[in-house]
Each structure stands twice: as C-alpha cells, then as structure tokens.
C-alpha cells in the first residue's frame, strides 16, 4: 500500500510512523486511519522491528479530528466503524511505542 497521509520507514529495528499533513497540523482523517492501521499491521508482521516511534511532520503532532468536513466529521453512520472490531497492534504489541512530539522535553511512551 502506498501512503498519502503518513510516512513509514524502518531503520536499525526502529519503525517510524510520521503523520504527514503539516498543512492541516496533521489532523486525523479516515485515510490516515486506514494508512496507520496498514502500517501497524506491517510492523506487527516484522519481527525485526523492536520499537515504534509515532511523530508528526511540521509544527504539530496531531490537531485531533480534521473538522474540514463540517457536519459530516461526527456523522454517526460514517464514524461508527472508525475502529469497530479492530484492536490496533500498537496497543498489544510486544514492542516499545513512543510518540515524539514537537518541542517536548520528554516523549510519551
């Protein structure tokens, strides 16, 4: 899968997932959700990955939900399946996961 709203790479056993919508302060979208789930599936399948860093391009880590869709942003029918039936591997994976935030003295783990 090619990505349009995230970047993904692995180097020296460390996977990096970068939210890549700096023009929107990396606001979360359904496309980003799909891409992140795919990236975490790839991480889960790669035994060489020992740690995961999640970061954001530009000046913000993530501004939250992209409200650019107006009233559809919180439409129950569209949003009810956002994570339904899915436990993302980063929650249960036997790897260290850290969020690297801009201008933050200590990253969250």
PDB file of N, CA and C in Angstrom:
ATOM      1  N   UNK A   1       0.854  -1.181   0.000  1.00  0.00           N
ATOM      2  CA  UNK A   1       0.000   0.000   0.000  1.00  0.00           C
ATOM      3  C   UNK A   1       0.897   1.241   0.000  1.00  0.00           C
ATOM      4  N   UNK A   2       0.588   2.179  -0.856  1.00  0.00           N
ATOM      5  CA  UNK A   2       1.323   3.449  -0.826  1.00  0.00           C
ATOM      6  C   UNK A   2       0.554   4.420   0.070  1.00  0.00           C
ATOM      7  N   UNK A   3       1.289   5.292   0.742  1.00  0.00           N
ATOM      8  CA  UNK A   3       0.694   6.197   1.717  1.00  0.00           C
ATOM      9  C   UNK A   3       0.678   7.635   1.203  1.00  0.00           C
ATOM     10  N   UNK A   4      -0.398   8.342   1.504  1.00  0.00           N
ATOM     11  CA  UNK A   4      -0.509   9.751   1.121  1.00  0.00           C
ATOM     12  C   UNK A   4      -0.556  10.677   2.332  1.00  0.00           C
ATOM     13  N   UNK A   5      -0.948  10.136   3.508  1.00  0.00           N
ATOM     14  CA  UNK A   5      -1.102  10.983   4.689  1.00  0.00           C
ATOM     15  C   UNK A   5      -0.194  10.592   5.847  1.00  0.00           C
ATOM     16  N   UNK A   6       0.583   9.531   5.668  1.00  0.00           N
ATOM     17  CA  UNK A   6       1.612   9.177   6.642  1.00  0.00           C
ATOM     18  C   UNK A   6       2.878   8.822   5.869  1.00  0.00           C
ATOM     19  N   UNK A   7       3.973   8.786   6.583  1.00  0.00           N
ATOM     20  CA  UNK A   7       5.220   8.233   6.059  1.00  0.00           C
ATOM     21  C   UNK A   7       5.590   7.079   6.975  1.00  0.00           C
ATOM     22  N   UNK A   8       6.202   6.046   6.393  1.00  0.00           N
ATOM     23  CA  UNK A   8       6.564   4.855   7.158  1.00  0.00           C
ATOM     24  C   UNK A   8       7.956   4.413   6.755  1.00  0.00           C
ATOM     25  N   UNK A   9       8.749   4.070   7.746  1.00  0.00           N
ATOM     26  CA  UNK A   9      10.078   3.561   7.455  1.00  0.00           C
ATOM     27  C   UNK A   9      10.611   2.765   8.629  1.00  0.00           C
ATOM     28  N   UNK A  10      11.568   1.888   8.336  1.00  0.00           N
ATOM     29  CA  UNK A  10      12.222   1.092   9.368  1.00  0.00           C
ATOM     30  C   UNK A  10      13.717   1.222   9.167  1.00  0.00           C
ATOM     31  N   UNK A  11      14.415   1.539  10.258  1.00  0.00           N
ATOM     32  CA  UNK A  11      15.871   1.617  10.208  1.00  0.00           C
ATOM     33  C   UNK A  11      16.424   1.133  11.543  1.00  0.00           C
ATOM     34  N   UNK A  12      17.365   0.211  11.482  1.00  0.00           N
ATOM     35  CA  UNK A  12      18.012  -0.329  12.684  1.00  0.00           C
ATOM     36  C   UNK A  12      17.006  -0.869  13.700  1.00  0.00           C
ATOM     37  N   UNK A  13      15.965  -1.527  13.229  1.00  0.00           N
ATOM     38  CA  UNK A  13      14.983  -2.137  14.107  1.00  0.00           C
ATOM     39  C   UNK A  13      13.964  -1.176  14.695  1.00  0.00           C
ATOM     40  N   UNK A  14      13.996   0.081  14.253  1.00  0.00           N
ATOM     41  CA  UNK A  14      13.054   1.087  14.752  1.00  0.00           C
ATOM     42  C   UNK A  14      12.140   1.520  13.618  1.00  0.00           C
ATOM     43  N   UNK A  15      10.837   1.285  13.789  1.00  0.00           N
ATOM     44  CA  UNK A  15       9.851   1.731  12.798  1.00  0.00           C
ATOM     45  C   UNK A  15       9.431   3.151  13.167  1.00  0.00           C
ATOM     46  N   UNK A  16       9.333   4.015  12.169  1.00  0.00           N
ATOM     47  CA  UNK A  16       8.860   5.377  12.386  1.00  0.00           C
ATOM     48  C   UNK A  16       7.630   5.608  11.535  1.00  0.00           C
ATOM     49  N   UNK A  17       6.550   6.033  12.186  1.00  0.00           N
ATOM     50  CA  UNK A  17       5.307   6.400  11.511  1.00  0.00           C
ATOM     51  C   UNK A  17       5.150   7.905  11.711  1.00  0.00           C
ATOM     52  N   UNK A  18       5.148   8.647  10.605  1.00  0.00           N
ATOM     53  CA  UNK A  18       5.038  10.100  10.671  1.00  0.00           C
ATOM     54  C   UNK A  18       3.703  10.533  10.084  1.00  0.00           C
ATOM     55  N   UNK A  19       2.893  11.215  10.898  1.00  0.00           N
ATOM     56  CA  UNK A  19       1.663  11.807  10.382  1.00  0.00           C
ATOM     57  C   UNK A  19       2.099  12.924   9.452  1.00  0.00           C
ATOM     58  N   UNK A  20       1.647  12.899   8.201  1.00  0.00           N
ATOM     59  CA  UNK A  20       2.213  13.793   7.190  1.00  0.00           C
ATOM     60  C   UNK A  20       1.148  14.670   6.526  1.00  0.00           C
ATOM     61  N   UNK A  21       0.515  15.499   7.334  1.00  0.00           N
ATOM     62  CA  UNK A  21      -0.419  16.509   6.830  1.00  0.00           C
ATOM     63  C   UNK A  21      -0.103  17.836   7.532  1.00  0.00           C
ATOM     64  N   UNK A  22       1.131  18.316   7.407  1.00  0.00           N
ATOM     65  CA  UNK A  22       1.523  19.504   8.176  1.00  0.00           C
ATOM     66  C   UNK A  22       0.691  20.743   7.854  1.00  0.00           C
ATOM     67  N   UNK A  23       0.157  20.822   6.640  1.00  0.00           N
ATOM     68  CA  UNK A  23      -0.683  21.961   6.258  1.00  0.00           C
ATOM     69  C   UNK A  23      -1.994  21.989   7.041  1.00  0.00           C
ATOM     70  N   UNK A  24      -2.376  20.858   7.638  1.00  0.00           N
ATOM     71  CA  UNK A  24      -3.587  20.760   8.474  1.00  0.00           C
ATOM     72  C   UNK A  24      -3.219  20.357   9.903  1.00  0.00           C
ATOM     73  N   UNK A  25      -1.973  20.621  10.290  1.00  0.00           N
ATOM     74  CA  UNK A  25      -1.460  20.249  11.622  1.00  0.00           C
ATOM     75  C   UNK A  25      -1.683  18.766  11.913  1.00  0.00           C
ATOM     76  N   UNK A  26      -1.558  17.956  10.869  1.00  0.00           N
ATOM     77  CA  UNK A  26      -1.671  16.501  10.949  1.00  0.00           C
ATOM     78  C   UNK A  26      -3.016  16.036  11.511  1.00  0.00           C
ATOM     79  N   UNK A  27      -4.061  16.799  11.212  1.00  0.00           N
ATOM     80  CA  UNK A  27      -5.401  16.432  11.671  1.00  0.00           C
ATOM     81  C   UNK A  27      -5.776  15.053  11.122  1.00  0.00           C
ATOM     82  N   UNK A  28      -6.423  14.274  11.959  1.00  0.00           N
ATOM     83  CA  UNK A  28      -6.745  12.874  11.696  1.00  0.00           C
ATOM     84  C   UNK A  28      -7.917  12.733  10.730  1.00  0.00           C
ATOM     85  N   UNK A  29      -7.758  11.858   9.726  1.00  0.00           N
ATOM     86  CA  UNK A  29      -8.790  11.598   8.729  1.00  0.00           C
ATOM     87  C   UNK A  29      -9.006  10.091   8.598  1.00  0.00           C
ATOM     88  N   UNK A  30     -10.047   9.716   7.868  1.00  0.00           N
ATOM     89  CA  UNK A  30     -10.277   8.293   7.598  1.00  0.00           C
ATOM     90  C   UNK A  30      -9.154   7.699   6.760  1.00  0.00           C
ATOM     91  N   UNK A  31      -8.608   8.480   5.841  1.00  0.00           N
ATOM     92  CA  UNK A  31      -7.476   7.999   5.038  1.00  0.00           C
ATOM     93  C   UNK A  31      -6.288   7.720   5.950  1.00  0.00           C
ATOM     94  N   UNK A  32      -6.002   8.650   6.864  1.00  0.00           N
ATOM     95  CA  UNK A  32      -4.900   8.465   7.801  1.00  0.00           C
ATOM     96  C   UNK A  32      -5.131   7.224   8.659  1.00  0.00           C
ATOM     97  N   UNK A  33      -6.362   7.019   9.090  1.00  0.00           N
ATOM     98  CA  UNK A  33      -6.702   5.841   9.879  1.00  0.00           C
ATOM     99  C   UNK A  33      -6.362   4.560   9.123  1.00  0.00           C
ATOM    100  N   UNK A  34      -6.783   4.485   7.877  1.00  0.00           N
ATOM    101  CA  UNK A  34      -6.528   3.300   7.061  1.00  0.00           C
ATOM    102  C   UNK A  34      -5.031   3.077   6.879  1.00  0.00           C
ATOM    103  N   UNK A  35      -4.312   4.153   6.612  1.00  0.00           N
ATOM    104  CA  UNK A  35      -2.871   4.048   6.409  1.00  0.00           C
ATOM    105  C   UNK A  35      -2.154   3.641   7.694  1.00  0.00           C
ATOM    106  N   UNK A  36      -2.562   4.196   8.834  1.00  0.00           N
ATOM    107  CA  UNK A  36      -1.933   3.834  10.097  1.00  0.00           C
ATOM    108  C   UNK A  36      -2.192   2.380  10.457  1.00  0.00           C
ATOM    109  N   UNK A  37      -3.417   1.908  10.238  1.00  0.00           N
ATOM    110  CA  UNK A  37      -3.710   0.504  10.515  1.00  0.00           C
ATOM    111  C   UNK A  37      -2.851  -0.404   9.637  1.00  0.00           C
ATOM    112  N   UNK A  38      -2.665  -0.036   8.383  1.00  0.00           N
ATOM    113  CA  UNK A  38      -1.816  -0.823   7.495  1.00  0.00           C
ATOM    114  C   UNK A  38      -0.370  -0.809   7.988  1.00  0.00           C
ATOM    115  N   UNK A  39       0.120   0.358   8.365  1.00  0.00           N
ATOM    116  CA  UNK A  39       1.497   0.468   8.853  1.00  0.00           C
ATOM    117  C   UNK A  39       1.699  -0.379  10.103  1.00  0.00           C
ATOM    118  N   UNK A  40       0.742  -0.344  11.032  1.00  0.00           N
ATOM    119  CA  UNK A  40       0.880  -1.153  12.247  1.00  0.00           C
ATOM    120  C   UNK A  40       0.733  -2.644  11.955  1.00  0.00           C
ATOM    121  N   UNK A  41      -0.022  -3.018  10.951  1.00  0.00           N
ATOM    122  CA  UNK A  41      -0.050  -4.422  10.528  1.00  0.00           C
ATOM    123  C   UNK A  41       1.318  -4.838   9.995  1.00  0.00           C
ATOM    124  N   UNK A  42       1.954  -3.956   9.226  1.00  0.00           N
ATOM    125  CA  UNK A  42       3.300  -4.249   8.712  1.00  0.00           C
ATOM    126  C   UNK A  42       4.296  -4.377   9.859  1.00  0.00           C
ATOM    127  N   UNK A  43       4.190  -3.496  10.834  1.00  0.00           N
ATOM    128  CA  UNK A  43       5.080  -3.544  11.996  1.00  0.00           C
ATOM    129  C   UNK A  43       4.875  -4.854  12.747  1.00  0.00           C
ATOM    130  N   UNK A  44       3.624  -5.216  12.943  1.00  0.00           N
ATOM    131  CA  UNK A  44       3.293  -6.438  13.670  1.00  0.00           C
ATOM    132  C   UNK A  44       3.849  -7.679  12.981  1.00  0.00           C
ATOM    133  N   UNK A  45       3.901  -7.656  11.666  1.00  0.00           N
ATOM    134  CA  UNK A  45       4.383  -8.807  10.897  1.00  0.00           C
ATOM    135  C   UNK A  45       5.902  -8.850  10.777  1.00  0.00           C
ATOM    136  N   UNK A  46       6.594  -7.786  11.172  1.00  0.00           N
ATOM    137  CA  UNK A  46       8.047  -7.687  11.002  1.00  0.00           C
ATOM    138  C   UNK A  46       8.744  -7.914  12.341  1.00  0.00           C
ATOM    139  N   UNK A  47       9.281  -9.118  12.542  1.00  0.00           N
ATOM    140  CA  UNK A  47       9.942  -9.447  13.803  1.00  0.00           C
ATOM    141  C   UNK A  47      11.231  -8.658  14.020  1.00  0.00           C
ATOM    142  N   UNK A  48      11.755  -8.042  12.982  1.00  0.00           N
ATOM    143  CA  UNK A  48      12.974  -7.239  13.123  1.00  0.00           C
ATOM    144  C   UNK A  48      12.701  -5.893  13.796  1.00  0.00           C
ATOM    145  N   UNK A  49      11.439  -5.466  13.809  1.00  0.00           N
ATOM    146  CA  UNK A  49      11.082  -4.193  14.445  1.00  0.00           C
ATOM    147  C   UNK A  49      11.009  -4.405  15.951  1.00  0.00           C
ATOM    148  N   UNK A  50      11.845  -3.639  16.688  1.00  0.00           N
ATOM    149  CA  UNK A  50      11.893  -3.746  18.142  1.00  0.00           C
ATOM    150  C   UNK A  50      11.216  -2.572  18.842  1.00  0.00           C
ATOM    151  N   UNK A  51      11.073  -1.464  18.124  1.00  0.00           N
ATOM    152  CA  UNK A  51      10.464  -0.266  18.717  1.00  0.00           C
ATOM    153  C   UNK A  51       9.752   0.521  17.629  1.00  0.00           C
ATOM    154  N   UNK A  52       8.770   1.328  18.050  1.00  0.00           N
ATOM    155  CA  UNK A  52       7.985   2.141  17.121  1.00  0.00           C
ATOM    156  C   UNK A  52       7.962   3.574  17.638  1.00  0.00           C
ATOM    157  N   UNK A  53       8.221   4.525  16.732  1.00  0.00           N
ATOM    158  CA  UNK A  53       8.107   5.944  17.047  1.00  0.00           C
ATOM    159  C   UNK A  53       6.997   6.515  16.172  1.00  0.00           C
ATOM    160  N   UNK A  54       6.045   7.202  16.802  1.00  0.00           N
ATOM    161  CA  UNK A  54       4.990   7.881  16.063  1.00  0.00           C
ATOM    162  C   UNK A  54       5.221   9.375  16.256  1.00  0.00           C
ATOM    163  N   UNK A  55       5.322  10.101  15.153  1.00  0.00           N
ATOM    164  CA  UNK A  55       5.608  11.528  15.212  1.00  0.00           C
ATOM    165  C   UNK A  55       4.780  12.266  14.171  1.00  0.00           C
ATOM    166  N   UNK A  56       4.879  13.579  14.172  1.00  0.00           N
ATOM    167  CA  UNK A  56       4.135  14.387  13.212  1.00  0.00           C
ATOM    168  C   UNK A  56       5.057  15.302  12.437  1.00  0.00           C
ATOM    169  N   UNK A  57       4.780  15.492  11.162  1.00  0.00           N
ATOM    170  CA  UNK A  57       5.554  16.407  10.331  1.00  0.00           C
ATOM    171  C   UNK A  57       5.152  17.846  10.665  1.00  0.00           C
ATOM    172  N   UNK A  58       6.096  18.759  10.560  1.00  0.00           N
ATOM    173  CA  UNK A  58       5.777  20.165  10.793  1.00  0.00           C
ATOM    174  C   UNK A  58       5.734  20.521  12.260  1.00  0.00           C
ATOM    175  N   UNK A  59       4.934  21.515  12.590  1.00  0.00           N
ATOM    176  CA  UNK A  59       4.953  22.071  13.946  1.00  0.00           C
ATOM    177  C   UNK A  59       4.002  21.409  14.930  1.00  0.00           C
ATOM    178  N   UNK A  60       3.187  20.464  14.484  1.00  0.00           N
ATOM    179  CA  UNK A  60       2.230  19.823  15.383  1.00  0.00           C
ATOM    180  C   UNK A  60       2.310  18.311  15.268  1.00  0.00           C
ATOM    181  N   UNK A  61       2.065  17.641  16.395  1.00  0.00           N
ATOM    182  CA  UNK A  61       1.978  16.182  16.350  1.00  0.00           C
ATOM    183  C   UNK A  61       0.675  15.790  15.671  1.00  0.00           C
ATOM    184  N   UNK A  62      -0.469  16.206  16.235  1.00  0.00           N
ATOM    185  CA  UNK A  62      -1.780  15.927  15.657  1.00  0.00           C
ATOM    186  C   UNK A  62      -2.794  16.867  16.295  1.00  0.00           C
ATOM    187  N   UNK A  63      -3.534  17.567  15.469  1.00  0.00           N
ATOM    188  CA  UNK A  63      -4.518  18.532  15.964  1.00  0.00           C
ATOM    189  C   UNK A  63      -5.831  17.870  16.370  1.00  0.00           C
ATOM    190  N   UNK A  64      -5.938  16.559  16.212  1.00  0.00           N
ATOM    191  CA  UNK A  64      -7.189  15.854  16.501  1.00  0.00           C
ATOM    192  C   UNK A  64      -7.921  15.569  15.207  1.00  0.00           C
ATOM    193  N   UNK A  65      -9.218  15.386  15.281  1.00  0.00           N
ATOM    194  CA  UNK A  65     -10.012  15.085  14.095  1.00  0.00           C
ATOM    195  C   UNK A  65     -10.002  16.260  13.128  1.00  0.00           C
ATOM    196  N   UNK A  66      -9.909  15.966  11.847  1.00  0.00           N
ATOM    197  CA  UNK A  66      -9.982  17.014  10.830  1.00  0.00           C
ATOM    198  C   UNK A  66     -11.430  17.480  10.722  1.00  0.00           C
ATOM    199  N   UNK A  67     -11.664  18.704  11.119  1.00  0.00           N
ATOM    200  CA  UNK A  67     -13.018  19.252  11.114  1.00  0.00           C
ATOM    201  C   UNK A  67     -13.375  19.904   9.785  1.00  0.00           C
ATOM    202  N   UNK A  68     -12.503  19.785   8.796  1.00  0.00           N
ATOM    203  CA  UNK A  68     -12.725  20.388   7.487  1.00  0.00           C
ATOM    204  C   UNK A  68     -13.951  19.842   6.777  1.00  0.00           C
ATOM    205  N   UNK A  69     -14.435  18.678   7.191  1.00  0.00           N
ATOM    206  CA  UNK A  69     -15.618  18.079   6.571  1.00  0.00           C
ATOM    207  C   UNK A  69     -16.921  18.662   7.097  1.00  0.00           C
ATOM    208  N   UNK A  70     -16.830  19.615   7.996  1.00  0.00           N
ATOM    209  CA  UNK A  70     -18.037  20.225   8.544  1.00  0.00           C
ATOM    210  C   UNK A  70     -18.839  19.245   9.372  1.00  0.00           C
ATOM    211  N   UNK A  71     -20.152  19.277   9.206  1.00  0.00           N
ATOM    212  CA  UNK A  71     -21.053  18.436   9.990  1.00  0.00           C
ATOM    213  C   UNK A  71     -20.844  16.952   9.800  1.00  0.00           C
ATOM    214  N   UNK A  72     -20.255  16.542   8.675  1.00  0.00           N
ATOM    215  CA  UNK A  72     -20.013  15.119   8.433  1.00  0.00           C
ATOM    216  C   UNK A  72     -18.916  14.547   9.321  1.00  0.00           C
ATOM    217  N   UNK A  73     -18.108  15.406   9.924  1.00  0.00           N
ATOM    218  CA  UNK A  73     -16.997  14.934  10.748  1.00  0.00           C
ATOM    219  C   UNK A  73     -17.475  13.992  11.837  1.00  0.00           C
ATOM    220  N   UNK A  74     -18.599  14.295  12.462  1.00  0.00           N
ATOM    221  CA  UNK A  74     -19.088  13.484  13.557  1.00  0.00           C
ATOM    222  C   UNK A  74     -20.383  12.743  13.219  1.00  0.00           C
ATOM    223  N   UNK A  75     -20.617  12.524  11.936  1.00  0.00           N
ATOM    224  CA  UNK A  75     -21.782  11.774  11.492  1.00  0.00           C
ATOM    225  C   UNK A  75     -21.705  10.352  12.049  1.00  0.00           C
ATOM    226  N   UNK A  76     -22.712   9.938  12.822  1.00  0.00           N
ATOM    227  CA  UNK A  76     -22.683   8.627  13.476  1.00  0.00           C
ATOM    228  C   UNK A  76     -22.518   7.482  12.491  1.00  0.00           C
ATOM    229  N   UNK A  77     -23.202   7.530  11.381  1.00  0.00           N
ATOM    230  CA  UNK A  77     -23.114   6.437  10.408  1.00  0.00           C
ATOM    231  C   UNK A  77     -21.717   6.328   9.804  1.00  0.00           C
ATOM    232  N   UNK A  78     -21.079   7.466   9.566  1.00  0.00           N
ATOM    233  CA  UNK A  78     -19.741   7.448   8.978  1.00  0.00           C
ATOM    234  C   UNK A  78     -18.668   7.123  10.003  1.00  0.00           C
ATOM    235  N   UNK A  79     -18.860   7.549  11.248  1.00  0.00           N
ATOM    236  CA  UNK A  79     -17.802   7.398  12.241  1.00  0.00           C
ATOM    237  C   UNK A  79     -17.927   6.145  13.099  1.00  0.00           C
ATOM    238  N   UNK A  80     -19.067   5.456  13.067  1.00  0.00           N
ATOM    239  CA  UNK A  80     -19.260   4.312  13.976  1.00  0.00           C
ATOM    240  C   UNK A  80     -18.272   3.183  13.721  1.00  0.00           C
ATOM    241  N   UNK A  81     -17.757   3.071  12.510  1.00  0.00           N
ATOM    242  CA  UNK A  81     -16.833   1.995  12.192  1.00  0.00           C
ATOM    243  C   UNK A  81     -15.366   2.419  12.234  1.00  0.00           C
ATOM    244  N   UNK A  82     -15.096   3.584  12.800  1.00  0.00           N
ATOM    245  CA  UNK A  82     -13.713   4.084  12.808  1.00  0.00           C
ATOM    246  C   UNK A  82     -12.741   3.039  13.341  1.00  0.00           C
ATOM    247  N   UNK A  83     -13.056   2.416  14.455  1.00  0.00           N
ATOM    248  CA  UNK A  83     -12.194   1.363  14.995  1.00  0.00           C
ATOM    249  C   UNK A  83     -12.992   0.124  15.379  1.00  0.00           C
ATOM    250  N   UNK A  84     -14.222   0.027  14.956  1.00  0.00           N
ATOM    251  CA  UNK A  84     -15.071  -1.105  15.325  1.00  0.00           C
ATOM    252  C   UNK A  84     -14.427  -2.431  14.927  1.00  0.00           C
ATOM    253  N   UNK A  85     -14.412  -3.345  15.877  1.00  0.00           N
ATOM    254  CA  UNK A  85     -13.908  -4.682  15.606  1.00  0.00           C
ATOM    255  C   UNK A  85     -12.414  -4.739  15.384  1.00  0.00           C
ATOM    256  N   UNK A  86     -11.717  -3.693  15.740  1.00  0.00           N
ATOM    257  CA  UNK A  86     -10.288  -3.643  15.451  1.00  0.00           C
ATOM    258  C   UNK A  86      -9.517  -3.253  16.703  1.00  0.00           C
ATOM    259  N   UNK A  87      -8.598  -4.085  17.122  1.00  0.00           N
ATOM    260  CA  UNK A  87      -7.665  -3.710  18.175  1.00  0.00           C
ATOM    261  C   UNK A  87      -6.343  -3.473  17.478  1.00  0.00           C
ATOM    262  N   UNK A  88      -5.921  -2.247  17.446  1.00  0.00           N
ATOM    263  CA  UNK A  88      -4.679  -1.942  16.737  1.00  0.00           C
ATOM    264  C   UNK A  88      -3.507  -2.594  17.443  1.00  0.00           C
ATOM    265  N   UNK A  89      -2.573  -3.082  16.677  1.00  0.00           N
ATOM    266  CA  UNK A  89      -1.458  -3.838  17.224  1.00  0.00           C
ATOM    267  C   UNK A  89      -0.577  -3.015  18.145  1.00  0.00           C
ATOM    268  N   UNK A  90      -0.547  -1.696  17.996  1.00  0.00           N
ATOM    269  CA  UNK A  90       0.313  -0.896  18.877  1.00  0.00           C
ATOM    270  C   UNK A  90      -0.137  -0.962  20.323  1.00  0.00           C
ATOM    271  N   UNK A  91      -1.384  -1.308  20.554  1.00  0.00           N
ATOM    272  CA  UNK A  91      -1.873  -1.407  21.927  1.00  0.00           C
ATOM    273  C   UNK A  91      -1.436  -2.698  22.602  1.00  0.00           C
ATOM    274  N   UNK A  92      -1.202  -3.732  21.836  1.00  0.00           N
ATOM    275  CA  UNK A  92      -0.910  -5.041  22.409  1.00  0.00           C
ATOM    276  C   UNK A  92       0.426  -5.611  21.955  1.00  0.00           C
ATOM    277  N   UNK A  93       1.120  -4.942  21.061  1.00  0.00           N
ATOM    278  CA  UNK A  93       2.364  -5.466  20.507  1.00  0.00           C
ATOM    279  C   UNK A  93       3.465  -5.510  21.572  1.00  0.00           C
ATOM    280  N   UNK A  94       4.326  -6.528  21.492  1.00  0.00           N
ATOM    281  CA  UNK A  94       5.431  -6.632  22.450  1.00  0.00           C
ATOM    282  C   UNK A  94       6.609  -5.747  22.028  1.00  0.00           C
ATOM    283  N   UNK A  95       6.332  -4.493  21.719  1.00  0.00           N
ATOM    284  CA  UNK A  95       7.362  -3.541  21.300  1.00  0.00           C
ATOM    285  C   UNK A  95       7.133  -2.241  22.046  1.00  0.00           C
ATOM    286  N   UNK A  96       8.205  -1.509  22.220  1.00  0.00           N
ATOM    287  CA  UNK A  96       8.083  -0.178  22.819  1.00  0.00           C
ATOM    288  C   UNK A  96       7.510   0.766  21.767  1.00  0.00           C
ATOM    289  N   UNK A  97       6.523   1.588  22.149  1.00  0.00           N
ATOM    290  CA  UNK A  97       5.937   2.572  21.244  1.00  0.00           C
ATOM    291  C   UNK A  97       6.020   3.933  21.914  1.00  0.00           C
ATOM    292  N   UNK A  98       6.569   4.916  21.193  1.00  0.00           N
ATOM    293  CA  UNK A  98       6.699   6.265  21.745  1.00  0.00           C
ATOM    294  C   UNK A  98       6.139   7.264  20.752  1.00  0.00           C
ATOM    295  N   UNK A  99       5.548   8.322  21.275  1.00  0.00           N
ATOM    296  CA  UNK A  99       5.090   9.425  20.435  1.00  0.00           C
ATOM    297  C   UNK A  99       6.094  10.557  20.599  1.00  0.00           C
ATOM    298  N   UNK A 100       6.724  10.959  19.511  1.00  0.00           N
ATOM    299  CA  UNK A 100       7.700  12.044  19.547  1.00  0.00           C
ATOM    300  C   UNK A 100       6.985  13.328  19.176  1.00  0.00           C
ATOM    301  N   UNK A 101       6.815  14.198  20.145  1.00  0.00           N
ATOM    302  CA  UNK A 101       6.077  15.430  19.913  1.00  0.00           C
ATOM    303  C   UNK A 101       7.027  16.599  19.708  1.00  0.00           C
ATOM    304  N   UNK A 102       6.586  17.575  18.951  1.00  0.00           N
ATOM    305  CA  UNK A 102       7.390  18.763  18.678  1.00  0.00           C
ATOM    306  C   UNK A 102       7.640  19.557  19.956  1.00  0.00           C
ATOM    307  N   UNK A 103       8.871  20.004  20.136  1.00  0.00           N
ATOM    308  CA  UNK A 103       9.278  20.834  21.274  1.00  0.00           C
ATOM    309  C   UNK A 103       8.839  20.243  22.606  1.00  0.00           C
ATOM    310  N   UNK A 104       9.044  18.948  22.771  1.00  0.00           N
ATOM    311  CA  UNK A 104       8.670  18.268  24.003  1.00  0.00           C
ATOM    312  C   UNK A 104       9.934  17.699  24.634  1.00  0.00           C
ATOM    313  N   UNK A 105      10.203  18.058  25.878  1.00  0.00           N
ATOM    314  CA  UNK A 105      11.431  17.615  26.540  1.00  0.00           C
ATOM    315  C   UNK A 105      11.471  16.111  26.751  1.00  0.00           C
ATOM    316  N   UNK A 106      10.324  15.499  27.000  1.00  0.00           N
ATOM    317  CA  UNK A 106      10.313  14.049  27.204  1.00  0.00           C
ATOM    318  C   UNK A 106       9.155  13.428  26.429  1.00  0.00           C
ATOM    319  N   UNK A 107       9.463  12.529  25.497  1.00  0.00           N
ATOM    320  CA  UNK A 107       8.398  11.910  24.686  1.00  0.00           C
ATOM    321  C   UNK A 107       7.505  11.021  25.538  1.00  0.00           C
ATOM    322  N   UNK A 108       6.274  10.880  25.085  1.00  0.00           N
ATOM    323  CA  UNK A 108       5.334   9.969  25.748  1.00  0.00           C
ATOM    324  C   UNK A 108       5.651   8.555  25.332  1.00  0.00           C
ATOM    325  N   UNK A 109       5.465   7.613  26.229  1.00  0.00           N
ATOM    326  CA  UNK A 109       5.719   6.213  25.886  1.00  0.00           C
ATOM    327  C   UNK A 109       4.521   5.380  26.250  1.00  0.00           C
TER     328      UNK A 109
END
